[in-house]
PDB file of N, CA and C in Angstrom:
ATOM      1  N   MET A   1      16.194  16.136  78.642  1.00  0.00           N
ATOM      2  CA  MET A   1      15.692  17.323  77.977  1.00  0.00           C
ATOM      3  C   MET A   1      14.981  16.913  76.684  1.00  0.00           C
ATOM      4  N   THR A   2      14.014  17.702  76.303  1.00  0.00           N
ATOM      5  CA  THR A   2      13.262  17.389  75.101  1.00  0.00           C
ATOM      6  C   THR A   2      13.642  18.328  73.966  1.00  0.00           C
ATOM      7  N   THR A   3      13.006  18.081  72.857  1.00  0.00           N
ATOM      8  CA  THR A   3      13.293  18.866  71.664  1.00  0.00           C
ATOM      9  C   THR A   3      12.985  20.345  71.893  1.00  0.00           C
ATOM     10  N   TRP A   4      13.840  21.214  71.374  1.00  0.00           N
ATOM     11  CA  TRP A   4      13.692  22.661  71.407  1.00  0.00           C
ATOM     12  C   TRP A   4      13.736  23.253  72.818  1.00  0.00           C
ATOM     13  N   ARG A   5      14.226  22.524  73.815  1.00  0.00           N
ATOM     14  CA  ARG A   5      14.187  23.041  75.190  1.00  0.00           C
ATOM     15  C   ARG A   5      15.554  23.318  75.810  1.00  0.00           C
ATOM     16  N   ARG A   6      16.625  22.885  75.214  1.00  0.00           N
ATOM     17  CA  ARG A   6      17.941  23.086  75.817  1.00  0.00           C
ATOM     18  C   ARG A   6      18.417  24.516  75.556  1.00  0.00           C
ATOM     19  N   TRP A   7      18.692  25.249  76.614  1.00  0.00           N
ATOM     20  CA  TRP A   7      19.107  26.638  76.460  1.00  0.00           C
ATOM     21  C   TRP A   7      20.449  26.755  75.756  1.00  0.00           C
ATOM     22  N   GLN A   8      21.303  25.738  75.914  1.00  0.00           N
ATOM     23  CA  GLN A   8      22.624  25.776  75.293  1.00  0.00           C
ATOM     24  C   GLN A   8      22.517  25.841  73.771  1.00  0.00           C
ATOM     25  N   ASP A   9      21.551  25.100  73.212  1.00  0.00           N
ATOM     26  CA  ASP A   9      21.379  25.112  71.762  1.00  0.00           C
ATOM     27  C   ASP A   9      20.953  26.489  71.271  1.00  0.00           C
ATOM     28  N   TRP A  10      20.085  27.155  72.029  1.00  0.00           N
ATOM     29  CA  TRP A  10      19.624  28.482  71.631  1.00  0.00           C
ATOM     30  C   TRP A  10      20.719  29.518  71.800  1.00  0.00           C
ATOM     31  N   VAL A  11      21.590  29.335  72.770  1.00  0.00           N
ATOM     32  CA  VAL A  11      22.738  30.236  72.912  1.00  0.00           C
ATOM     33  C   VAL A  11      23.656  30.094  71.705  1.00  0.00           C
ATOM     34  N   VAL A  12      23.871  28.859  71.264  1.00  0.00           N
ATOM     35  CA  VAL A  12      24.713  28.618  70.091  1.00  0.00           C
ATOM     36  C   VAL A  12      24.089  29.256  68.854  1.00  0.00           C
ATOM     37  N   VAL A  13      22.780  29.131  68.682  1.00  0.00           N
ATOM     38  CA  VAL A  13      22.105  29.756  67.543  1.00  0.00           C
ATOM     39  C   VAL A  13      22.289  31.276  67.599  1.00  0.00           C
ATOM     40  N   GLY A  14      22.076  31.852  68.771  1.00  0.00           N
ATOM     41  CA  GLY A  14      22.238  33.298  68.923  1.00  0.00           C
ATOM     42  C   GLY A  14      23.658  33.760  68.640  1.00  0.00           C
ATOM     43  N   LEU A  15      24.636  32.995  69.098  1.00  0.00           N
ATOM     44  CA  LEU A  15      26.028  33.356  68.843  1.00  0.00           C
ATOM     45  C   LEU A  15      26.374  33.238  67.361  1.00  0.00           C
ATOM     46  N   GLY A  16      25.761  32.275  66.677  1.00  0.00           N
ATOM     47  CA  GLY A  16      25.962  32.172  65.230  1.00  0.00           C
ATOM     48  C   GLY A  16      25.403  33.380  64.508  1.00  0.00           C
ATOM     49  N   VAL A  17      24.230  33.830  64.919  1.00  0.00           N
ATOM     50  CA  VAL A  17      23.625  35.027  64.314  1.00  0.00           C
ATOM     51  C   VAL A  17      24.484  36.254  64.607  1.00  0.00           C
ATOM     52  N   ILE A  18      24.976  36.370  65.829  1.00  0.00           N
ATOM     53  CA  ILE A  18      25.839  37.494  66.183  1.00  0.00           C
ATOM     54  C   ILE A  18      27.116  37.469  65.342  1.00  0.00           C
ATOM     55  N   THR A  19      27.680  36.292  65.138  1.00  0.00           N
ATOM     56  CA  THR A  19      28.876  36.175  64.302  1.00  0.00           C
ATOM     57  C   THR A  19      28.589  36.660  62.892  1.00  0.00           C
ATOM     58  N   PHE A  20      27.436  36.273  62.352  1.00  0.00           N
ATOM     59  CA  PHE A  20      27.059  36.700  61.002  1.00  0.00           C
ATOM     60  C   PHE A  20      26.911  38.220  60.924  1.00  0.00           C
ATOM     61  N   LEU A  21      26.361  38.838  61.958  1.00  0.00           N
ATOM     62  CA  LEU A  21      26.095  40.272  61.943  1.00  0.00           C
ATOM     63  C   LEU A  21      27.300  41.135  62.310  1.00  0.00           C
ATOM     64  N   THR A  22      28.338  40.540  62.838  1.00  0.00           N
ATOM     65  CA  THR A  22      29.499  41.292  63.321  1.00  0.00           C
ATOM     66  C   THR A  22      30.122  42.218  62.272  1.00  0.00           C
ATOM     67  N   PRO A  23      30.339  41.784  61.023  1.00  0.00           N
ATOM     68  CA  PRO A  23      30.925  42.727  60.049  1.00  0.00           C
ATOM     69  C   PRO A  23      30.052  43.957  59.794  1.00  0.00           C
ATOM     70  N   PHE A  24      28.730  43.788  59.852  1.00  0.00           N
ATOM     71  CA  PHE A  24      27.841  44.928  59.661  1.00  0.00           C
ATOM     72  C   PHE A  24      27.903  45.878  60.848  1.00  0.00           C
ATOM     73  N   VAL A  25      27.934  45.318  62.043  1.00  0.00           N
ATOM     74  CA  VAL A  25      27.941  46.140  63.258  1.00  0.00           C
ATOM     75  C   VAL A  25      29.210  46.987  63.332  1.00  0.00           C
ATOM     76  N   PHE A  26      30.351  46.390  63.019  1.00  0.00           N
ATOM     77  CA  PHE A  26      31.616  47.106  63.112  1.00  0.00           C
ATOM     78  C   PHE A  26      32.010  47.813  61.821  1.00  0.00           C
ATOM     79  N   GLY A  27      31.199  47.698  60.778  1.00  0.00           N
ATOM     80  CA  GLY A  27      31.480  48.385  59.520  1.00  0.00           C
ATOM     81  C   GLY A  27      32.687  47.851  58.783  1.00  0.00           C
ATOM     82  N   ASP A  28      32.971  46.584  58.952  1.00  0.00           N
ATOM     83  CA  ASP A  28      34.127  45.975  58.297  1.00  0.00           C
ATOM     84  C   ASP A  28      33.725  45.064  57.139  1.00  0.00           C
ATOM     85  N   THR A  29      32.665  45.400  56.433  1.00  0.00           N
ATOM     86  CA  THR A  29      32.235  44.549  55.314  1.00  0.00           C
ATOM     87  C   THR A  29      33.192  44.636  54.140  1.00  0.00           C
ATOM     88  N   SER A  30      34.036  45.666  54.094  1.00  0.00           N
ATOM     89  CA  SER A  30      34.997  45.781  52.994  1.00  0.00           C
ATOM     90  C   SER A  30      36.187  44.841  53.171  1.00  0.00           C
ATOM     91  N   GLN A  31      36.373  44.337  54.378  1.00  0.00           N
ATOM     92  CA  GLN A  31      37.432  43.354  54.636  1.00  0.00           C
ATOM     93  C   GLN A  31      36.899  41.985  54.195  1.00  0.00           C
ATOM     94  N   THR A  32      37.085  41.643  52.930  1.00  0.00           N
ATOM     95  CA  THR A  32      36.366  40.506  52.347  1.00  0.00           C
ATOM     96  C   THR A  32      36.671  39.173  53.020  1.00  0.00           C
ATOM     97  N   VAL A  33      37.914  38.917  53.336  1.00  0.00           N
ATOM     98  CA  VAL A  33      38.256  37.629  53.944  1.00  0.00           C
ATOM     99  C   VAL A  33      37.652  37.521  55.342  1.00  0.00           C
ATOM    100  N   ALA A  34      37.805  38.551  56.132  1.00  0.00           N
ATOM    101  CA  ALA A  34      37.285  38.536  57.496  1.00  0.00           C
ATOM    102  C   ALA A  34      35.759  38.485  57.496  1.00  0.00           C
ATOM    103  N   ALA A  35      35.132  39.286  56.642  1.00  0.00           N
ATOM    104  CA  ALA A  35      33.673  39.308  56.581  1.00  0.00           C
ATOM    105  C   ALA A  35      33.124  37.985  56.069  1.00  0.00           C
ATOM    106  N   SER A  36      33.743  37.433  55.040  1.00  0.00           N
ATOM    107  CA  SER A  36      33.279  36.150  54.500  1.00  0.00           C
ATOM    108  C   SER A  36      33.392  35.035  55.520  1.00  0.00           C
ATOM    109  N   THR A  37      34.463  35.055  56.280  1.00  0.00           N
ATOM    110  CA  THR A  37      34.633  34.063  57.339  1.00  0.00           C
ATOM    111  C   THR A  37      33.528  34.195  58.375  1.00  0.00           C
ATOM    112  N   ALA A  38      33.215  35.416  58.755  1.00  0.00           N
ATOM    113  CA  ALA A  38      32.151  35.642  59.734  1.00  0.00           C
ATOM    114  C   ALA A  38      30.798  35.203  59.185  1.00  0.00           C
ATOM    115  N   TYR A  39      30.547  35.484  57.911  1.00  0.00           N
ATOM    116  CA  TYR A  39      29.270  35.092  57.305  1.00  0.00           C
ATOM    117  C   TYR A  39      29.124  33.571  57.276  1.00  0.00           C
ATOM    118  N   VAL A  40      30.123  32.907  56.740  1.00  0.00           N
ATOM    119  CA  VAL A  40      30.037  31.451  56.562  1.00  0.00           C
ATOM    120  C   VAL A  40      29.988  30.733  57.908  1.00  0.00           C
ATOM    121  N   LEU A  41      30.915  31.058  58.796  1.00  0.00           N
ATOM    122  CA  LEU A  41      30.939  30.375  60.089  1.00  0.00           C
ATOM    123  C   LEU A  41      29.750  30.752  60.958  1.00  0.00           C
ATOM    124  N   GLY A  42      29.257  31.977  60.832  1.00  0.00           N
ATOM    125  CA  GLY A  42      28.061  32.367  61.571  1.00  0.00           C
ATOM    126  C   GLY A  42      26.849  31.549  61.166  1.00  0.00           C
ATOM    127  N   VAL A  43      26.665  31.381  59.865  1.00  0.00           N
ATOM    128  CA  VAL A  43      25.536  30.577  59.373  1.00  0.00           C
ATOM    129  C   VAL A  43      25.703  29.119  59.792  1.00  0.00           C
ATOM    130  N   LEU A  44      26.910  28.575  59.666  1.00  0.00           N
ATOM    131  CA  LEU A  44      27.133  27.172  60.030  1.00  0.00           C
ATOM    132  C   LEU A  44      26.923  26.930  61.520  1.00  0.00           C
ATOM    133  N   ILE A  45      27.371  27.851  62.355  1.00  0.00           N
ATOM    134  CA  ILE A  45      27.186  27.694  63.802  1.00  0.00           C
ATOM    135  C   ILE A  45      25.702  27.784  64.154  1.00  0.00           C
ATOM    136  N   ALA A  46      24.991  28.727  63.553  1.00  0.00           N
ATOM    137  CA  ALA A  46      23.556  28.854  63.819  1.00  0.00           C
ATOM    138  C   ALA A  46      22.800  27.606  63.362  1.00  0.00           C
ATOM    139  N   LEU A  47      23.135  27.087  62.187  1.00  0.00           N
ATOM    140  CA  LEU A  47      22.477  25.869  61.695  1.00  0.00           C
ATOM    141  C   LEU A  47      22.802  24.659  62.564  1.00  0.00           C
ATOM    142  N   ALA A  48      24.034  24.574  63.037  1.00  0.00           N
ATOM    143  CA  ALA A  48      24.402  23.469  63.930  1.00  0.00           C
ATOM    144  C   ALA A  48      23.637  23.565  65.244  1.00  0.00           C
ATOM    145  N   GLY A  49      23.440  24.781  65.749  1.00  0.00           N
ATOM    146  CA  GLY A  49      22.648  24.964  66.957  1.00  0.00           C
ATOM    147  C   GLY A  49      21.196  24.575  66.747  1.00  0.00           C
ATOM    148  N   LEU A  50      20.629  24.941  65.596  1.00  0.00           N
ATOM    149  CA  LEU A  50      19.254  24.546  65.277  1.00  0.00           C
ATOM    150  C   LEU A  50      19.124  23.037  65.133  1.00  0.00           C
ATOM    151  N   LEU A  51      20.108  22.409  64.508  1.00  0.00           N
ATOM    152  CA  LEU A  51      20.095  20.956  64.365  1.00  0.00           C
ATOM    153  C   LEU A  51      20.100  20.289  65.734  1.00  0.00           C
ATOM    154  N   ASN A  52      20.935  20.780  66.622  1.00  0.00           N
ATOM    155  CA  ASN A  52      20.990  20.207  67.968  1.00  0.00           C
ATOM    156  C   ASN A  52      19.716  20.489  68.757  1.00  0.00           C
ATOM    157  N   ALA A  53      19.114  21.660  68.549  1.00  0.00           N
ATOM    158  CA  ALA A  53      17.870  21.981  69.246  1.00  0.00           C
ATOM    159  C   ALA A  53      16.737  21.075  68.776  1.00  0.00           C
ATOM    160  N   ALA A  54      16.787  20.652  67.528  1.00  0.00           N
ATOM    161  CA  ALA A  54      15.738  19.798  66.977  1.00  0.00           C
ATOM    162  C   ALA A  54      15.846  18.347  67.434  1.00  0.00           C
ATOM    163  N   MET A  55      16.983  17.977  67.982  1.00  0.00           N
ATOM    164  CA  MET A  55      17.181  16.601  68.435  1.00  0.00           C
ATOM    165  C   MET A  55      16.513  16.406  69.797  1.00  0.00           C
ATOM    166  N   SER A  56      15.822  15.276  69.950  1.00  0.00           N
ATOM    167  CA  SER A  56      15.125  15.049  71.213  1.00  0.00           C
ATOM    168  C   SER A  56      16.086  14.719  72.351  1.00  0.00           C
ATOM    169  N   LYS A  57      17.190  14.058  72.034  1.00  0.00           N
ATOM    170  CA  LYS A  57      18.210  13.752  73.038  1.00  0.00           C
ATOM    171  C   LYS A  57      19.525  14.353  72.596  1.00  0.00           C
ATOM    172  N   ALA A  58      20.279  14.783  73.552  1.00  0.00           N
ATOM    173  CA  ALA A  58      21.613  15.272  73.229  1.00  0.00           C
ATOM    174  C   ALA A  58      22.462  14.070  72.846  1.00  0.00           C
ATOM    175  N   GLY A  59      22.926  14.071  71.632  1.00  0.00           N
ATOM    176  CA  GLY A  59      23.735  12.958  71.141  1.00  0.00           C
ATOM    177  C   GLY A  59      25.136  13.432  70.825  1.00  0.00           C
ATOM    178  N   GLY A  60      25.729  12.855  69.819  1.00  0.00           N
ATOM    179  CA  GLY A  60      27.087  13.216  69.455  1.00  0.00           C
ATOM    180  C   GLY A  60      27.190  14.431  68.563  1.00  0.00           C
ATOM    181  N   LEU A  61      26.048  14.994  68.145  1.00  0.00           N
ATOM    182  CA  LEU A  61      26.090  16.121  67.227  1.00  0.00           C
ATOM    183  C   LEU A  61      26.475  17.434  67.897  1.00  0.00           C
ATOM    184  N   GLU A  62      26.526  17.468  69.222  1.00  0.00           N
ATOM    185  CA  GLU A  62      26.916  18.698  69.907  1.00  0.00           C
ATOM    186  C   GLU A  62      28.368  19.066  69.635  1.00  0.00           C
ATOM    187  N   ILE A  63      29.117  18.120  69.152  1.00  0.00           N
ATOM    188  CA  ILE A  63      30.519  18.385  68.862  1.00  0.00           C
ATOM    189  C   ILE A  63      30.674  19.280  67.634  1.00  0.00           C
ATOM    190  N   ILE A  64      29.663  19.319  66.762  1.00  0.00           N
ATOM    191  CA  ILE A  64      29.758  20.109  65.530  1.00  0.00           C
ATOM    192  C   ILE A  64      29.938  21.598  65.828  1.00  0.00           C
ATOM    193  N   PRO A  65      29.099  22.225  66.678  1.00  0.00           N
ATOM    194  CA  PRO A  65      29.351  23.640  66.965  1.00  0.00           C
ATOM    195  C   PRO A  65      30.682  23.876  67.667  1.00  0.00           C
ATOM    196  N   ALA A  66      31.124  22.922  68.464  1.00  0.00           N
ATOM    197  CA  ALA A  66      32.413  23.077  69.146  1.00  0.00           C
ATOM    198  C   ALA A  66      33.559  23.082  68.133  1.00  0.00           C
ATOM    199  N   VAL A  67      33.483  22.193  67.148  1.00  0.00           N
ATOM    200  CA  VAL A  67      34.519  22.154  66.106  1.00  0.00           C
ATOM    201  C   VAL A  67      34.485  23.446  65.282  1.00  0.00           C
ATOM    202  N   LEU A  68      33.282  23.903  64.943  1.00  0.00           N
ATOM    203  CA  LEU A  68      33.157  25.164  64.210  1.00  0.00           C
ATOM    204  C   LEU A  68      33.684  26.335  65.032  1.00  0.00           C
ATOM    205  N   ALA A  69      33.506  26.291  66.343  1.00  0.00           N
ATOM    206  CA  ALA A  69      34.030  27.345  67.211  1.00  0.00           C
ATOM    207  C   ALA A  69      35.555  27.339  67.224  1.00  0.00           C
ATOM    208  N   VAL A  70      36.145  26.165  67.211  1.00  0.00           N
ATOM    209  CA  VAL A  70      37.610  26.094  67.153  1.00  0.00           C
ATOM    210  C   VAL A  70      38.103  26.671  65.821  1.00  0.00           C
ATOM    211  N   ILE A  71      37.408  26.354  64.742  1.00  0.00           N
ATOM    212  CA  ILE A  71      37.770  26.918  63.436  1.00  0.00           C
ATOM    213  C   ILE A  71      37.617  28.438  63.466  1.00  0.00           C
ATOM    214  N   LEU A  72      36.540  28.930  64.089  1.00  0.00           N
ATOM    215  CA  LEU A  72      36.330  30.371  64.211  1.00  0.00           C
ATOM    216  C   LEU A  72      37.451  31.022  65.017  1.00  0.00           C
ATOM    217  N   PHE A  73      37.887  30.373  66.085  1.00  0.00           N
ATOM    218  CA  PHE A  73      38.956  30.919  66.920  1.00  0.00           C
ATOM    219  C   PHE A  73      40.276  31.006  66.156  1.00  0.00           C
ATOM    220  N   VAL A  74      40.560  30.012  65.342  1.00  0.00           N
ATOM    221  CA  VAL A  74      41.829  29.946  64.615  1.00  0.00           C
ATOM    222  C   VAL A  74      41.794  30.774  63.326  1.00  0.00           C
ATOM    223  N   SER A  75      40.606  31.081  62.823  1.00  0.00           N
ATOM    224  CA  SER A  75      40.484  31.725  61.517  1.00  0.00           C
ATOM    225  C   SER A  75      41.217  33.067  61.379  1.00  0.00           C
ATOM    226  N   PRO A  76      41.274  33.944  62.384  1.00  0.00           N
ATOM    227  CA  PRO A  76      42.051  35.175  62.180  1.00  0.00           C
ATOM    228  C   PRO A  76      43.528  34.902  61.905  1.00  0.00           C
ATOM    229  N   PHE A  77      44.071  33.866  62.514  1.00  0.00           N
ATOM    230  CA  PHE A  77      45.468  33.513  62.264  1.00  0.00           C
ATOM    231  C   PHE A  77      45.610  32.806  60.914  1.00  0.00           C
ATOM    232  N   ALA A  78      44.709  31.875  60.641  1.00  0.00           N
ATOM    233  CA  ALA A  78      44.798  31.074  59.422  1.00  0.00           C
ATOM    234  C   ALA A  78      44.561  31.907  58.171  1.00  0.00           C
ATOM    235  N   PHE A  79      43.623  32.841  58.242  1.00  0.00           N
ATOM    236  CA  PHE A  79      43.270  33.628  57.061  1.00  0.00           C
ATOM    237  C   PHE A  79      43.897  35.018  57.070  1.00  0.00           C
ATOM    238  N   GLY A  80      44.675  35.321  58.087  1.00  0.00           N
ATOM    239  CA  GLY A  80      45.466  36.540  58.118  1.00  0.00           C
ATOM    240  C   GLY A  80      44.694  37.826  58.329  1.00  0.00           C
ATOM    241  N   PHE A  81      43.667  37.802  59.153  1.00  0.00           N
ATOM    242  CA  PHE A  81      42.974  39.054  59.431  1.00  0.00           C
ATOM    243  C   PHE A  81      43.042  39.434  60.906  1.00  0.00           C
ATOM    244  N   THR A  82      44.169  39.136  61.534  1.00  0.00           N
ATOM    245  CA  THR A  82      44.360  39.559  62.925  1.00  0.00           C
ATOM    246  C   THR A  82      44.444  41.077  63.030  1.00  0.00           C
ATOM    247  N   GLY A  83      44.774  41.748  61.944  1.00  0.00           N
ATOM    248  CA  GLY A  83      44.837  43.209  61.931  1.00  0.00           C
ATOM    249  C   GLY A  83      43.462  43.864  61.952  1.00  0.00           C
ATOM    250  N   VAL A  84      42.445  43.122  61.573  1.00  0.00           N
ATOM    251  CA  VAL A  84      41.074  43.637  61.644  1.00  0.00           C
ATOM    252  C   VAL A  84      40.595  43.351  63.058  1.00  0.00           C
ATOM    253  N   THR A  85      40.959  44.231  63.959  1.00  0.00           N
ATOM    254  CA  THR A  85      40.838  43.982  65.386  1.00  0.00           C
ATOM    255  C   THR A  85      39.427  43.620  65.831  1.00  0.00           C
ATOM    256  N   ALA A  86      38.438  44.336  65.369  1.00  0.00           N
ATOM    257  CA  ALA A  86      37.066  44.093  65.826  1.00  0.00           C
ATOM    258  C   ALA A  86      36.590  42.699  65.440  1.00  0.00           C
ATOM    259  N   LEU A  87      36.838  42.303  64.220  1.00  0.00           N
ATOM    260  CA  LEU A  87      36.375  40.980  63.785  1.00  0.00           C
ATOM    261  C   LEU A  87      37.219  39.858  64.390  1.00  0.00           C
ATOM    262  N   ALA A  88      38.496  40.107  64.567  1.00  0.00           N
ATOM    263  CA  ALA A  88      39.347  39.076  65.176  1.00  0.00           C
ATOM    264  C   ALA A  88      38.943  38.843  66.632  1.00  0.00           C
ATOM    265  N   TRP A  89      38.766  39.919  67.393  1.00  0.00           N
ATOM    266  CA  TRP A  89      38.384  39.762  68.792  1.00  0.00           C
ATOM    267  C   TRP A  89      36.987  39.185  68.949  1.00  0.00           C
ATOM    268  N   SER A  90      36.082  39.569  68.081  1.00  0.00           N
ATOM    269  CA  SER A  90      34.739  38.980  68.160  1.00  0.00           C
ATOM    270  C   SER A  90      34.798  37.490  67.836  1.00  0.00           C
ATOM    271  N   ALA A  91      35.657  37.097  66.916  1.00  0.00           N
ATOM    272  CA  ALA A  91      35.818  35.667  66.613  1.00  0.00           C
ATOM    273  C   ALA A  91      36.342  34.919  67.833  1.00  0.00           C
ATOM    274  N   TYR A  92      37.326  35.490  68.521  1.00  0.00           N
ATOM    275  CA  TYR A  92      37.870  34.831  69.713  1.00  0.00           C
ATOM    276  C   TYR A  92      36.800  34.687  70.799  1.00  0.00           C
ATOM    277  N   ILE A  93      36.117  35.784  71.083  1.00  0.00           N
ATOM    278  CA  ILE A  93      35.147  35.786  72.183  1.00  0.00           C
ATOM    279  C   ILE A  93      33.959  34.876  71.888  1.00  0.00           C
ATOM    280  N   ILE A  94      33.422  34.968  70.681  1.00  0.00           N
ATOM    281  CA  ILE A  94      32.269  34.137  70.329  1.00  0.00           C
ATOM    282  C   ILE A  94      32.648  32.664  70.319  1.00  0.00           C
ATOM    283  N   ALA A  95      33.835  32.343  69.833  1.00  0.00           N
ATOM    284  CA  ALA A  95      34.275  30.943  69.816  1.00  0.00           C
ATOM    285  C   ALA A  95      34.370  30.392  71.231  1.00  0.00           C
ATOM    286  N   ILE A  96      34.902  31.168  72.147  1.00  0.00           N
ATOM    287  CA  ILE A  96      35.004  30.722  73.541  1.00  0.00           C
ATOM    288  C   ILE A  96      33.613  30.525  74.140  1.00  0.00           C
ATOM    289  N   LEU A  97      32.687  31.442  73.854  1.00  0.00           N
ATOM    290  CA  LEU A  97      31.334  31.319  74.391  1.00  0.00           C
ATOM    291  C   LEU A  97      30.601  30.101  73.832  1.00  0.00           C
ATOM    292  N   VAL A  98      30.816  29.791  72.552  1.00  0.00           N
ATOM    293  CA  VAL A  98      30.192  28.595  71.971  1.00  0.00           C
ATOM    294  C   VAL A  98      30.737  27.340  72.640  1.00  0.00           C
ATOM    295  N   VAL A  99      32.038  27.279  72.832  1.00  0.00           N
ATOM    296  CA  VAL A  99      32.632  26.108  73.488  1.00  0.00           C
ATOM    297  C   VAL A  99      32.127  25.979  74.922  1.00  0.00           C
ATOM    298  N   LEU A 100      31.971  27.096  75.623  1.00  0.00           N
ATOM    299  CA  LEU A 100      31.435  27.041  76.987  1.00  0.00           C
ATOM    300  C   LEU A 100      29.987  26.552  77.006  1.00  0.00           C
ATOM    301  N   ALA A 101      29.174  27.000  76.054  1.00  0.00           N
ATOM    302  CA  ALA A 101      27.774  26.559  75.995  1.00  0.00           C
ATOM    303  C   ALA A 101      27.687  25.067  75.699  1.00  0.00           C
ATOM    304  N   VAL A 102      28.473  24.598  74.750  1.00  0.00           N
ATOM    305  CA  VAL A 102      28.469  23.169  74.417  1.00  0.00           C
ATOM    306  C   VAL A 102      29.041  22.361  75.576  1.00  0.00           C
ATOM    307  N   GLY A 103      30.087  22.874  76.200  1.00  0.00           N
ATOM    308  CA  GLY A 103      30.672  22.179  77.345  1.00  0.00           C
ATOM    309  C   GLY A 103      29.713  22.059  78.508  1.00  0.00           C
ATOM    310  N   SER A 104      28.897  23.092  78.732  1.00  0.00           N
ATOM    311  CA  SER A 104      27.934  23.007  79.824  1.00  0.00           C
ATOM    312  C   SER A 104      26.877  21.944  79.550  1.00  0.00           C
ATOM    313  N   LEU A 105      26.574  21.708  78.291  1.00  0.00           N
ATOM    314  CA  LEU A 105      25.632  20.643  77.952  1.00  0.00           C
ATOM    315  C   LEU A 105      26.219  19.282  78.303  1.00  0.00           C
ATOM    316  N   PHE A 106      27.501  19.099  78.021  1.00  0.00           N
ATOM    317  CA  PHE A 106      28.149  17.832  78.372  1.00  0.00           C
ATOM    318  C   PHE A 106      28.226  17.652  79.891  1.00  0.00           C
ATOM    319  N   VAL A 107      28.458  18.730  80.618  1.00  0.00           N
ATOM    320  CA  VAL A 107      28.509  18.647  82.078  1.00  0.00           C
ATOM    321  C   VAL A 107      27.147  18.257  82.631  1.00  0.00           C
ATOM    322  N   MET A 108      26.091  18.843  82.089  1.00  0.00           N
ATOM    323  CA  MET A 108      24.742  18.515  82.544  1.00  0.00           C
ATOM    324  C   MET A 108      24.389  17.058  82.232  1.00  0.00           C
ATOM    325  N   GLN A 109      24.854  16.560  81.083  1.00  0.00           N
ATOM    326  CA  GLN A 109      24.589  15.162  80.735  1.00  0.00           C
ATOM    327  C   GLN A 109      25.270  14.221  81.708  1.00  0.00           C
ATOM    328  N   THR A 110      26.503  14.521  82.087  1.00  0.00           N
ATOM    329  CA  THR A 110      27.231  13.640  82.998  1.00  0.00           C
ATOM    330  C   THR A 110      26.620  13.676  84.385  1.00  0.00           C
ATOM    331  N   ARG A 111      26.143  14.844  84.799  1.00  0.00           N
ATOM    332  CA  ARG A 111      25.490  14.932  86.105  1.00  0.00           C
ATOM    333  C   ARG A 111      24.236  14.086  86.138  1.00  0.00           C
ATOM    334  N   ARG A 112      23.447  14.150  85.081  1.00  0.00           N
ATOM    335  CA  ARG A 112      22.218  13.348  85.059  1.00  0.00           C
ATOM    336  C   ARG A 112      22.522  11.859  84.991  1.00  0.00           C
ATOM    337  N   ALA A 113      23.580  11.503  84.298  1.00  0.00           N
ATOM    338  CA  ALA A 113      23.931  10.084  84.173  1.00  0.00           C
ATOM    339  C   ALA A 113      24.406   9.510  85.500  1.00  0.00           C
ATOM    340  N   THR A 114      25.073  10.317  86.313  1.00  0.00           N
ATOM    341  CA  THR A 114      25.597   9.814  87.570  1.00  0.00           C
ATOM    342  C   THR A 114      24.588   9.948  88.705  1.00  0.00           C
ATOM    343  N   ALA A 115      23.585  10.792  88.534  1.00  0.00           N
ATOM    344  CA  ALA A 115      22.602  10.993  89.605  1.00  0.00           C
ATOM    345  C   ALA A 115      21.576   9.895  89.670  1.00  0.00           C
TER     346      ALA A 115
END
């Protein structure tokens, strides 16, 4: 795959943007810890996706969005906003989708290497 062509990277960027916008969509901007977590991790996930999209070959940097997704998944428990149901569930779902997108990139790499 060449630069800017992997769909997985663009899915990660889109999921990062969705994470950033989640507090606005659900009207939970007053929940400062939950909203701040969504803002920061959303921007970091989107930037990690852009960084990976800019790379001509899939290298070891694909692990960055996966690690950020794990942090996003754990953040409602770690920062204590499991009671903010909309933001907690969106964190769980988006984190799983990011890991699936990154995982599919690794699966495609192994298929090409063995073919």
